[in-house]
Amino acid sequence: MKVARSNEDPRVWFRSERVYLATDNEWFFQTREGVDVGPYESQFEAEIEAGLLKELLQDCHSADAVMEIIREFVLDSYDMGRPLSPRFRDGSLVQTAVSF
């Protein structure tokens, strides 16, 4: 299925392509915005969390709103006792990381 948010070219996204093993027992998933979210202890956990974040982002139409939701998603992980350490693939997003 081809999907796109506003101001994006339609593209086929496969969640399984977004989940990857970064190091021994550290799983991450990639967002369209260039943020790798994790680490998770298993591929299954990363896929579930990717689905949860996808649901949160479903109705977002601005880049600022998307990044705010991703930021809150990561911050909520600290409240749940399972802190995440996001990685930014695009140098322009590094400044956003400071607010985490």
PDB file of N, CA and C in Angstrom:
ATOM      1  N   MET A   1       0.843  -1.169   0.000  1.00  0.00           N
ATOM      2  CA  MET A   1       0.000   0.000   0.000  1.00  0.00           C
ATOM      3  C   MET A   1       0.888   1.232   0.000  1.00  0.00           C
ATOM      4  N   LYS A   2       0.566   2.195  -0.864  1.00  0.00           N
ATOM      5  CA  LYS A   2       1.316   3.445  -0.904  1.00  0.00           C
ATOM      6  C   LYS A   2       0.658   4.443   0.020  1.00  0.00           C
ATOM      7  N   VAL A   3       1.459   5.046   0.887  1.00  0.00           N
ATOM      8  CA  VAL A   3       0.943   6.039   1.818  1.00  0.00           C
ATOM      9  C   VAL A   3       1.890   7.224   1.868  1.00  0.00           C
ATOM     10  N   ALA A   4       1.336   8.370   2.256  1.00  0.00           N
ATOM     11  CA  ALA A   4       2.159   9.568   2.404  1.00  0.00           C
ATOM     12  C   ALA A   4       1.471  10.530   3.350  1.00  0.00           C
ATOM     13  N   ARG A   5       2.276  11.217   4.124  1.00  0.00           N
ATOM     14  CA  ARG A   5       1.763  12.330   4.898  1.00  0.00           C
ATOM     15  C   ARG A   5       1.757  13.534   3.980  1.00  0.00           C
ATOM     16  N   SER A   6       1.129  14.615   4.422  1.00  0.00           N
ATOM     17  CA  SER A   6       1.116  15.795   3.574  1.00  0.00           C
ATOM     18  C   SER A   6       2.547  16.230   3.285  1.00  0.00           C
ATOM     19  N   ASN A   7       2.772  16.720   2.102  1.00  0.00           N
ATOM     20  CA  ASN A   7       4.079  17.184   1.627  1.00  0.00           C
ATOM     21  C   ASN A   7       5.106  16.060   1.477  1.00  0.00           C
ATOM     22  N   GLU A   8       4.667  14.812   1.350  1.00  0.00           N
ATOM     23  CA  GLU A   8       5.559  13.677   1.105  1.00  0.00           C
ATOM     24  C   GLU A   8       5.119  12.974  -0.164  1.00  0.00           C
ATOM     25  N   ASP A   9       6.101  12.454  -0.898  1.00  0.00           N
ATOM     26  CA  ASP A   9       5.763  11.636  -2.046  1.00  0.00           C
ATOM     27  C   ASP A   9       5.242  10.295  -1.554  1.00  0.00           C
ATOM     28  N   PRO A  10       4.191   9.757  -2.206  1.00  0.00           N
ATOM     29  CA  PRO A  10       3.707   8.437  -1.789  1.00  0.00           C
ATOM     30  C   PRO A  10       4.810   7.401  -1.920  1.00  0.00           C
ATOM     31  N   ARG A  11       4.879   6.506  -0.963  1.00  0.00           N
ATOM     32  CA  ARG A  11       5.906   5.478  -0.950  1.00  0.00           C
ATOM     33  C   ARG A  11       5.384   4.260  -0.213  1.00  0.00           C
ATOM     34  N   VAL A  12       5.843   3.121  -0.605  1.00  0.00           N
ATOM     35  CA  VAL A  12       5.482   1.896   0.092  1.00  0.00           C
ATOM     36  C   VAL A  12       6.425   1.747   1.284  1.00  0.00           C
ATOM     37  N   TRP A  13       5.845   1.615   2.483  1.00  0.00           N
ATOM     38  CA  TRP A  13       6.630   1.435   3.707  1.00  0.00           C
ATOM     39  C   TRP A  13       6.345   0.059   4.273  1.00  0.00           C
ATOM     40  N   PHE A  14       7.389  -0.664   4.574  1.00  0.00           N
ATOM     41  CA  PHE A  14       7.260  -1.965   5.204  1.00  0.00           C
ATOM     42  C   PHE A  14       7.869  -1.865   6.585  1.00  0.00           C
ATOM     43  N   ARG A  15       7.070  -2.092   7.617  1.00  0.00           N
ATOM     44  CA  ARG A  15       7.555  -1.961   8.983  1.00  0.00           C
ATOM     45  C   ARG A  15       8.745  -2.888   9.245  1.00  0.00           C
ATOM     46  N   SER A  16       8.715  -4.094   8.686  1.00  0.00           N
ATOM     47  CA  SER A  16       9.803  -5.026   8.951  1.00  0.00           C
ATOM     48  C   SER A  16      11.138  -4.499   8.434  1.00  0.00           C
ATOM     49  N   GLU A  17      11.131  -3.656   7.401  1.00  0.00           N
ATOM     50  CA  GLU A  17      12.361  -3.067   6.904  1.00  0.00           C
ATOM     51  C   GLU A  17      12.884  -1.999   7.859  1.00  0.00           C
ATOM     52  N   ARG A  18      12.029  -1.475   8.687  1.00  0.00           N
ATOM     53  CA  ARG A  18      12.424  -0.412   9.595  1.00  0.00           C
ATOM     54  C   ARG A  18      13.005  -0.932  10.900  1.00  0.00           C
ATOM     55  N   VAL A  19      12.819  -2.187  11.204  1.00  0.00           N
ATOM     56  CA  VAL A  19      13.323  -2.772  12.453  1.00  0.00           C
ATOM     57  C   VAL A  19      14.638  -3.469  12.144  1.00  0.00           C
ATOM     58  N   TYR A  20      15.666  -3.168  12.936  1.00  0.00           N
ATOM     59  CA  TYR A  20      16.973  -3.771  12.678  1.00  0.00           C
ATOM     60  C   TYR A  20      17.717  -4.022  13.981  1.00  0.00           C
ATOM     61  N   LEU A  21      18.656  -4.950  13.906  1.00  0.00           N
ATOM     62  CA  LEU A  21      19.512  -5.292  15.038  1.00  0.00           C
ATOM     63  C   LEU A  21      20.769  -4.432  14.930  1.00  0.00           C
ATOM     64  N   ALA A  22      20.952  -3.506  15.881  1.00  0.00           N
ATOM     65  CA  ALA A  22      22.085  -2.577  15.831  1.00  0.00           C
ATOM     66  C   ALA A  22      23.345  -3.217  16.407  1.00  0.00           C
ATOM     67  N   THR A  23      23.240  -3.801  17.568  1.00  0.00           N
ATOM     68  CA  THR A  23      24.356  -4.507  18.207  1.00  0.00           C
ATOM     69  C   THR A  23      23.767  -5.747  18.853  1.00  0.00           C
ATOM     70  N   ASP A  24      24.591  -6.490  19.524  1.00  0.00           N
ATOM     71  CA  ASP A  24      24.123  -7.707  20.170  1.00  0.00           C
ATOM     72  C   ASP A  24      22.955  -7.399  21.117  1.00  0.00           C
ATOM     73  N   ASN A  25      21.783  -7.890  20.792  1.00  0.00           N
ATOM     74  CA  ASN A  25      20.576  -7.734  21.606  1.00  0.00           C
ATOM     75  C   ASN A  25      20.065  -6.302  21.726  1.00  0.00           C
ATOM     76  N   GLU A  26      20.379  -5.430  20.784  1.00  0.00           N
ATOM     77  CA  GLU A  26      19.817  -4.076  20.762  1.00  0.00           C
ATOM     78  C   GLU A  26      19.098  -3.854  19.443  1.00  0.00           C
ATOM     79  N   TRP A  27      17.786  -3.836  19.516  1.00  0.00           N
ATOM     80  CA  TRP A  27      16.949  -3.643  18.345  1.00  0.00           C
ATOM     81  C   TRP A  27      16.456  -2.206  18.301  1.00  0.00           C
ATOM     82  N   PHE A  28      16.380  -1.639  17.102  1.00  0.00           N
ATOM     83  CA  PHE A  28      15.881  -0.289  16.855  1.00  0.00           C
ATOM     84  C   PHE A  28      14.865  -0.335  15.726  1.00  0.00           C
ATOM     85  N   PHE A  29      14.045   0.711  15.640  1.00  0.00           N
ATOM     86  CA  PHE A  29      13.242   0.909  14.439  1.00  0.00           C
ATOM     87  C   PHE A  29      13.473   2.320  13.931  1.00  0.00           C
ATOM     88  N   GLN A  30      13.334   2.485  12.616  1.00  0.00           N
ATOM     89  CA  GLN A  30      13.579   3.761  11.971  1.00  0.00           C
ATOM     90  C   GLN A  30      12.265   4.475  11.704  1.00  0.00           C
ATOM     91  N   THR A  31      12.285   5.793  11.881  1.00  0.00           N
ATOM     92  CA  THR A  31      11.125   6.597  11.502  1.00  0.00           C
ATOM     93  C   THR A  31      11.413   7.287  10.181  1.00  0.00           C
ATOM     94  N   ARG A  32      10.379   7.768   9.532  1.00  0.00           N
ATOM     95  CA  ARG A  32      10.543   8.512   8.289  1.00  0.00           C
ATOM     96  C   ARG A  32      11.339   9.792   8.504  1.00  0.00           C
ATOM     97  N   GLU A  33      11.321  10.282   9.716  1.00  0.00           N
ATOM     98  CA  GLU A  33      11.953  11.565  10.023  1.00  0.00           C
ATOM     99  C   GLU A  33      13.453  11.438  10.297  1.00  0.00           C
ATOM    100  N   GLY A  34      13.990  10.252  10.207  1.00  0.00           N
ATOM    101  CA  GLY A  34      15.416  10.061  10.405  1.00  0.00           C
ATOM    102  C   GLY A  34      15.814   9.785  11.832  1.00  0.00           C
ATOM    103  N   VAL A  35      14.881   9.286  12.636  1.00  0.00           N
ATOM    104  CA  VAL A  35      15.174   8.956  14.026  1.00  0.00           C
ATOM    105  C   VAL A  35      15.128   7.436  14.167  1.00  0.00           C
ATOM    106  N   ASP A  36      16.190   6.885  14.726  1.00  0.00           N
ATOM    107  CA  ASP A  36      16.223   5.460  15.048  1.00  0.00           C
ATOM    108  C   ASP A  36      15.879   5.338  16.523  1.00  0.00           C
ATOM    109  N   VAL A  37      14.767   4.669  16.822  1.00  0.00           N
ATOM    110  CA  VAL A  37      14.254   4.584  18.188  1.00  0.00           C
ATOM    111  C   VAL A  37      14.589   3.215  18.772  1.00  0.00           C
ATOM    112  N   GLY A  38      15.146   3.229  19.958  1.00  0.00           N
ATOM    113  CA  GLY A  38      15.515   2.009  20.655  1.00  0.00           C
ATOM    114  C   GLY A  38      16.481   2.362  21.761  1.00  0.00           C
ATOM    115  N   PRO A  39      17.135   1.454  22.359  1.00  0.00           N
ATOM    116  CA  PRO A  39      17.157   0.033  22.016  1.00  0.00           C
ATOM    117  C   PRO A  39      16.030  -0.750  22.683  1.00  0.00           C
ATOM    118  N   TYR A  40      15.661  -1.825  22.017  1.00  0.00           N
ATOM    119  CA  TYR A  40      14.701  -2.786  22.547  1.00  0.00           C
ATOM    120  C   TYR A  40      15.404  -4.126  22.673  1.00  0.00           C
ATOM    121  N   GLU A  41      14.899  -4.985  23.541  1.00  0.00           N
ATOM    122  CA  GLU A  41      15.540  -6.276  23.797  1.00  0.00           C
ATOM    123  C   GLU A  41      15.255  -7.322  22.729  1.00  0.00           C
ATOM    124  N   SER A  42      14.191  -7.111  21.930  1.00  0.00           N
ATOM    125  CA  SER A  42      13.855  -8.102  20.905  1.00  0.00           C
ATOM    126  C   SER A  42      13.278  -7.415  19.669  1.00  0.00           C
ATOM    127  N   GLN A  43      13.316  -8.146  18.575  1.00  0.00           N
ATOM    128  CA  GLN A  43      12.719  -7.657  17.334  1.00  0.00           C
ATOM    129  C   GLN A  43      11.219  -7.473  17.527  1.00  0.00           C
ATOM    130  N   PHE A  44      10.602  -8.409  18.203  1.00  0.00           N
ATOM    131  CA  PHE A  44       9.159  -8.338  18.448  1.00  0.00           C
ATOM    132  C   PHE A  44       8.789  -7.063  19.199  1.00  0.00           C
ATOM    133  N   GLU A  45       9.546  -6.750  20.254  1.00  0.00           N
ATOM    134  CA  GLU A  45       9.273  -5.551  21.032  1.00  0.00           C
ATOM    135  C   GLU A  45       9.438  -4.293  20.173  1.00  0.00           C
ATOM    136  N   ALA A  46      10.463  -4.250  19.347  1.00  0.00           N
ATOM    137  CA  ALA A  46      10.679  -3.101  18.465  1.00  0.00           C
ATOM    138  C   ALA A  46       9.539  -2.955  17.464  1.00  0.00           C
ATOM    139  N   GLU A  47       9.051  -4.064  16.929  1.00  0.00           N
ATOM    140  CA  GLU A  47       7.938  -4.017  15.976  1.00  0.00           C
ATOM    141  C   GLU A  47       6.652  -3.529  16.644  1.00  0.00           C
ATOM    142  N   ILE A  48       6.395  -3.986  17.862  1.00  0.00           N
ATOM    143  CA  ILE A  48       5.208  -3.544  18.600  1.00  0.00           C
ATOM    144  C   ILE A  48       5.279  -2.049  18.869  1.00  0.00           C
ATOM    145  N   GLU A  49       6.430  -1.582  19.351  1.00  0.00           N
ATOM    146  CA  GLU A  49       6.602  -0.160  19.659  1.00  0.00           C
ATOM    147  C   GLU A  49       6.527   0.691  18.394  1.00  0.00           C
ATOM    148  N   ALA A  50       7.059   0.190  17.284  1.00  0.00           N
ATOM    149  CA  ALA A  50       6.952   0.907  16.013  1.00  0.00           C
ATOM    150  C   ALA A  50       5.481   1.066  15.621  1.00  0.00           C
ATOM    151  N   GLY A  51       4.699   0.025  15.854  1.00  0.00           N
ATOM    152  CA  GLY A  51       3.261   0.099  15.572  1.00  0.00           C
ATOM    153  C   GLY A  51       2.548   1.098  16.466  1.00  0.00           C
ATOM    154  N   LEU A  52       2.944   1.151  17.739  1.00  0.00           N
ATOM    155  CA  LEU A  52       2.342   2.123  18.658  1.00  0.00           C
ATOM    156  C   LEU A  52       2.655   3.552  18.225  1.00  0.00           C
ATOM    157  N   LEU A  53       3.927   3.795  17.868  1.00  0.00           N
ATOM    158  CA  LEU A  53       4.288   5.139  17.418  1.00  0.00           C
ATOM    159  C   LEU A  53       3.588   5.483  16.113  1.00  0.00           C
ATOM    160  N   LYS A  54       3.453   4.516  15.232  1.00  0.00           N
ATOM    161  CA  LYS A  54       2.743   4.740  13.962  1.00  0.00           C
ATOM    162  C   LYS A  54       1.316   5.207  14.225  1.00  0.00           C
ATOM    163  N   GLU A  55       0.653   4.582  15.184  1.00  0.00           N
ATOM    164  CA  GLU A  55      -0.715   4.979  15.530  1.00  0.00           C
ATOM    165  C   GLU A  55      -0.758   6.409  16.059  1.00  0.00           C
ATOM    166  N   LEU A  56       0.220   6.776  16.866  1.00  0.00           N
ATOM    167  CA  LEU A  56       0.269   8.137  17.411  1.00  0.00           C
ATOM    168  C   LEU A  56       0.498   9.173  16.312  1.00  0.00           C
ATOM    169  N   LEU A  57       1.232   8.789  15.275  1.00  0.00           N
ATOM    170  CA  LEU A  57       1.587   9.724  14.206  1.00  0.00           C
ATOM    171  C   LEU A  57       0.573   9.756  13.068  1.00  0.00           C
ATOM    172  N   GLN A  58      -0.401   8.892  13.122  1.00  0.00           N
ATOM    173  CA  GLN A  58      -1.314   8.706  12.006  1.00  0.00           C
ATOM    174  C   GLN A  58      -1.987   9.998  11.528  1.00  0.00           C
ATOM    175  N   ASP A  59      -2.383  10.865  12.423  1.00  0.00           N
ATOM    176  CA  ASP A  59      -3.111  12.069  12.032  1.00  0.00           C
ATOM    177  C   ASP A  59      -2.245  13.325  12.017  1.00  0.00           C
ATOM    178  N   CYS A  60      -0.935  13.172  12.124  1.00  0.00           N
ATOM    179  CA  CYS A  60      -0.036  14.335  12.108  1.00  0.00           C
ATOM    180  C   CYS A  60       0.195  14.800  10.684  1.00  0.00           C
ATOM    181  N   HIS A  61       0.212  16.116  10.523  1.00  0.00           N
ATOM    182  CA  HIS A  61       0.406  16.655   9.189  1.00  0.00           C
ATOM    183  C   HIS A  61       1.544  17.655   9.110  1.00  0.00           C
ATOM    184  N   SER A  62       2.190  17.961  10.224  1.00  0.00           N
ATOM    185  CA  SER A  62       3.319  18.892  10.172  1.00  0.00           C
ATOM    186  C   SER A  62       4.556  18.240  10.773  1.00  0.00           C
ATOM    187  N   ALA A  63       5.701  18.617  10.248  1.00  0.00           N
ATOM    188  CA  ALA A  63       6.961  18.050  10.726  1.00  0.00           C
ATOM    189  C   ALA A  63       7.184  18.379  12.196  1.00  0.00           C
ATOM    190  N   ASP A  64       6.799  19.569  12.614  1.00  0.00           N
ATOM    191  CA  ASP A  64       6.975  19.950  14.017  1.00  0.00           C
ATOM    192  C   ASP A  64       6.134  19.080  14.934  1.00  0.00           C
ATOM    193  N   ALA A  65       4.891  18.818  14.539  1.00  0.00           N
ATOM    194  CA  ALA A  65       4.008  17.980  15.356  1.00  0.00           C
ATOM    195  C   ALA A  65       4.538  16.549  15.424  1.00  0.00           C
ATOM    196  N   VAL A  66       5.057  16.048  14.321  1.00  0.00           N
ATOM    197  CA  VAL A  66       5.611  14.695  14.289  1.00  0.00           C
ATOM    198  C   VAL A  66       6.790  14.587  15.237  1.00  0.00           C
ATOM    199  N   MET A  67       7.713  15.535  15.166  1.00  0.00           N
ATOM    200  CA  MET A  67       8.888  15.487  16.038  1.00  0.00           C
ATOM    201  C   MET A  67       8.497  15.633  17.504  1.00  0.00           C
ATOM    202  N   GLU A  68       7.473  16.402  17.796  1.00  0.00           N
ATOM    203  CA  GLU A  68       7.005  16.541  19.177  1.00  0.00           C
ATOM    204  C   GLU A  68       6.439  15.213  19.689  1.00  0.00           C
ATOM    205  N   ILE A  69       5.706  14.501  18.856  1.00  0.00           N
ATOM    206  CA  ILE A  69       5.156  13.205  19.261  1.00  0.00           C
ATOM    207  C   ILE A  69       6.277  12.193  19.473  1.00  0.00           C
ATOM    208  N   ILE A  70       7.275  12.184  18.585  1.00  0.00           N
ATOM    209  CA  ILE A  70       8.414  11.286  18.763  1.00  0.00           C
ATOM    210  C   ILE A  70       9.142  11.632  20.061  1.00  0.00           C
ATOM    211  N   ARG A  71       9.320  12.915  20.314  1.00  0.00           N
ATOM    212  CA  ARG A  71       9.979  13.364  21.550  1.00  0.00           C
ATOM    213  C   ARG A  71       9.207  12.859  22.776  1.00  0.00           C
ATOM    214  N   GLU A  72       7.890  13.035  22.782  1.00  0.00           N
ATOM    215  CA  GLU A  72       7.063  12.581  23.905  1.00  0.00           C
ATOM    216  C   GLU A  72       7.100  11.062  24.042  1.00  0.00           C
ATOM    217  N   PHE A  73       7.143  10.358  22.916  1.00  0.00           N
ATOM    218  CA  PHE A  73       7.232   8.901  22.925  1.00  0.00           C
ATOM    219  C   PHE A  73       8.492   8.448  23.656  1.00  0.00           C
ATOM    220  N   VAL A  74       9.616   9.108  23.354  1.00  0.00           N
ATOM    221  CA  VAL A  74      10.885   8.776  23.994  1.00  0.00           C
ATOM    222  C   VAL A  74      10.844   9.158  25.473  1.00  0.00           C
ATOM    223  N   LEU A  75      10.345  10.341  25.779  1.00  0.00           N
ATOM    224  CA  LEU A  75      10.273  10.777  27.179  1.00  0.00           C
ATOM    225  C   LEU A  75       9.373   9.864  28.002  1.00  0.00           C
ATOM    226  N   ASP A  76       8.282   9.395  27.424  1.00  0.00           N
ATOM    227  CA  ASP A  76       7.388   8.467  28.125  1.00  0.00           C
ATOM    228  C   ASP A  76       8.108   7.167  28.479  1.00  0.00           C
ATOM    229  N   SER A  77       9.087   6.778  27.679  1.00  0.00           N
ATOM    230  CA  SER A  77       9.822   5.547  27.966  1.00  0.00           C
ATOM    231  C   SER A  77      10.582   5.660  29.292  1.00  0.00           C
ATOM    232  N   TYR A  78      11.010   6.872  29.628  1.00  0.00           N
ATOM    233  CA  TYR A  78      11.685   7.077  30.916  1.00  0.00           C
ATOM    234  C   TYR A  78      10.696   6.878  32.065  1.00  0.00           C
ATOM    235  N   ASP A  79       9.478   7.387  31.897  1.00  0.00           N
ATOM    236  CA  ASP A  79       8.453   7.225  32.926  1.00  0.00           C
ATOM    237  C   ASP A  79       8.085   5.751  33.129  1.00  0.00           C
ATOM    238  N   MET A  80       8.201   4.967  32.073  1.00  0.00           N
ATOM    239  CA  MET A  80       7.848   3.549  32.135  1.00  0.00           C
ATOM    240  C   MET A  80       9.009   2.697  32.650  1.00  0.00           C
ATOM    241  N   GLY A  81      10.156   3.357  32.958  1.00  0.00           N
ATOM    242  CA  GLY A  81      11.302   2.622  33.466  1.00  0.00           C
ATOM    243  C   GLY A  81      12.107   1.898  32.402  1.00  0.00           C
ATOM    244  N   ARG A  82      11.890   2.248  31.159  1.00  0.00           N
ATOM    245  CA  ARG A  82      12.582   1.609  30.032  1.00  0.00           C
ATOM    246  C   ARG A  82      13.099   2.681  29.089  1.00  0.00           C
ATOM    247  N   PRO A  83      14.086   3.478  29.533  1.00  0.00           N
ATOM    248  CA  PRO A  83      14.530   4.623  28.741  1.00  0.00           C
ATOM    249  C   PRO A  83      15.097   4.231  27.376  1.00  0.00           C
ATOM    250  N   LEU A  84      14.723   5.004  26.387  1.00  0.00           N
ATOM    251  CA  LEU A  84      15.212   4.815  25.027  1.00  0.00           C
ATOM    252  C   LEU A  84      16.338   5.801  24.755  1.00  0.00           C
ATOM    253  N   SER A  85      17.181   5.454  23.813  1.00  0.00           N
ATOM    254  CA  SER A  85      18.277   6.331  23.386  1.00  0.00           C
ATOM    255  C   SER A  85      18.174   6.516  21.879  1.00  0.00           C
ATOM    256  N   PRO A  86      17.398   7.496  21.431  1.00  0.00           N
ATOM    257  CA  PRO A  86      17.224   7.671  19.989  1.00  0.00           C
ATOM    258  C   PRO A  86      18.526   8.090  19.314  1.00  0.00           C
ATOM    259  N   ARG A  87      18.655   7.695  18.062  1.00  0.00           N
ATOM    260  CA  ARG A  87      19.805   8.075  17.237  1.00  0.00           C
ATOM    261  C   ARG A  87      19.267   8.864  16.059  1.00  0.00           C
ATOM    262  N   PHE A  88      19.979   9.890  15.676  1.00  0.00           N
ATOM    263  CA  PHE A  88      19.533  10.748  14.590  1.00  0.00           C
ATOM    264  C   PHE A  88      20.419  10.539  13.372  1.00  0.00           C
ATOM    265  N   ARG A  89      19.812  10.142  12.268  1.00  0.00           N
ATOM    266  CA  ARG A  89      20.558   9.871  11.041  1.00  0.00           C
ATOM    267  C   ARG A  89      20.847  11.136  10.254  1.00  0.00           C
ATOM    268  N   ASP A  90      20.114  12.203  10.493  1.00  0.00           N
ATOM    269  CA  ASP A  90      20.268  13.455   9.759  1.00  0.00           C
ATOM    270  C   ASP A  90      20.838  14.505  10.706  1.00  0.00           C
ATOM    271  N   GLY A  91      21.981  15.057  10.379  1.00  0.00           N
ATOM    272  CA  GLY A  91      22.635  16.042  11.236  1.00  0.00           C
ATOM    273  C   GLY A  91      21.748  17.228  11.576  1.00  0.00           C
ATOM    274  N   SER A  92      20.769  17.544  10.734  1.00  0.00           N
ATOM    275  CA  SER A  92      19.898  18.697  11.000  1.00  0.00           C
ATOM    276  C   SER A  92      18.972  18.430  12.181  1.00  0.00           C
ATOM    277  N   LEU A  93      18.811  17.183  12.585  1.00  0.00           N
ATOM    278  CA  LEU A  93      17.926  16.862  13.694  1.00  0.00           C
ATOM    279  C   LEU A  93      18.662  16.816  15.027  1.00  0.00           C
ATOM    280  N   VAL A  94      19.959  16.958  15.006  1.00  0.00           N
ATOM    281  CA  VAL A  94      20.740  16.834  16.235  1.00  0.00           C
ATOM    282  C   VAL A  94      20.288  17.851  17.276  1.00  0.00           C
ATOM    283  N   GLN A  95      19.944  19.046  16.841  1.00  0.00           N
ATOM    284  CA  GLN A  95      19.505  20.071  17.797  1.00  0.00           C
ATOM    285  C   GLN A  95      18.243  19.635  18.524  1.00  0.00           C
ATOM    286  N   THR A  96      17.376  18.899  17.854  1.00  0.00           N
ATOM    287  CA  THR A  96      16.168  18.395  18.504  1.00  0.00           C
ATOM    288  C   THR A  96      16.531  17.439  19.634  1.00  0.00           C
ATOM    289  N   ALA A  97      17.611  16.694  19.457  1.00  0.00           N
ATOM    290  CA  ALA A  97      18.027  15.707  20.448  1.00  0.00           C
ATOM    291  C   ALA A  97      18.352  16.359  21.788  1.00  0.00           C
ATOM    292  N   VAL A  98      18.823  17.576  21.737  1.00  0.00           N
ATOM    293  CA  VAL A  98      19.196  18.262  22.966  1.00  0.00           C
ATOM    294  C   VAL A  98      17.992  18.416  23.884  1.00  0.00           C
ATOM    295  N   SER A  99      16.805  18.577  23.330  1.00  0.00           N
ATOM    296  CA  SER A  99      15.615  18.765  24.136  1.00  0.00           C
ATOM    297  C   SER A  99      15.138  17.482  24.798  1.00  0.00           C
ATOM    298  N   PHE A 100      15.688  16.332  24.412  1.00  0.00           N
ATOM    299  CA  PHE A 100      15.318  15.086  25.057  1.00  0.00           C
ATOM    300  C   PHE A 100      15.901  15.106  26.431  1.00  0.00           C
TER     301      PHE A 100
END
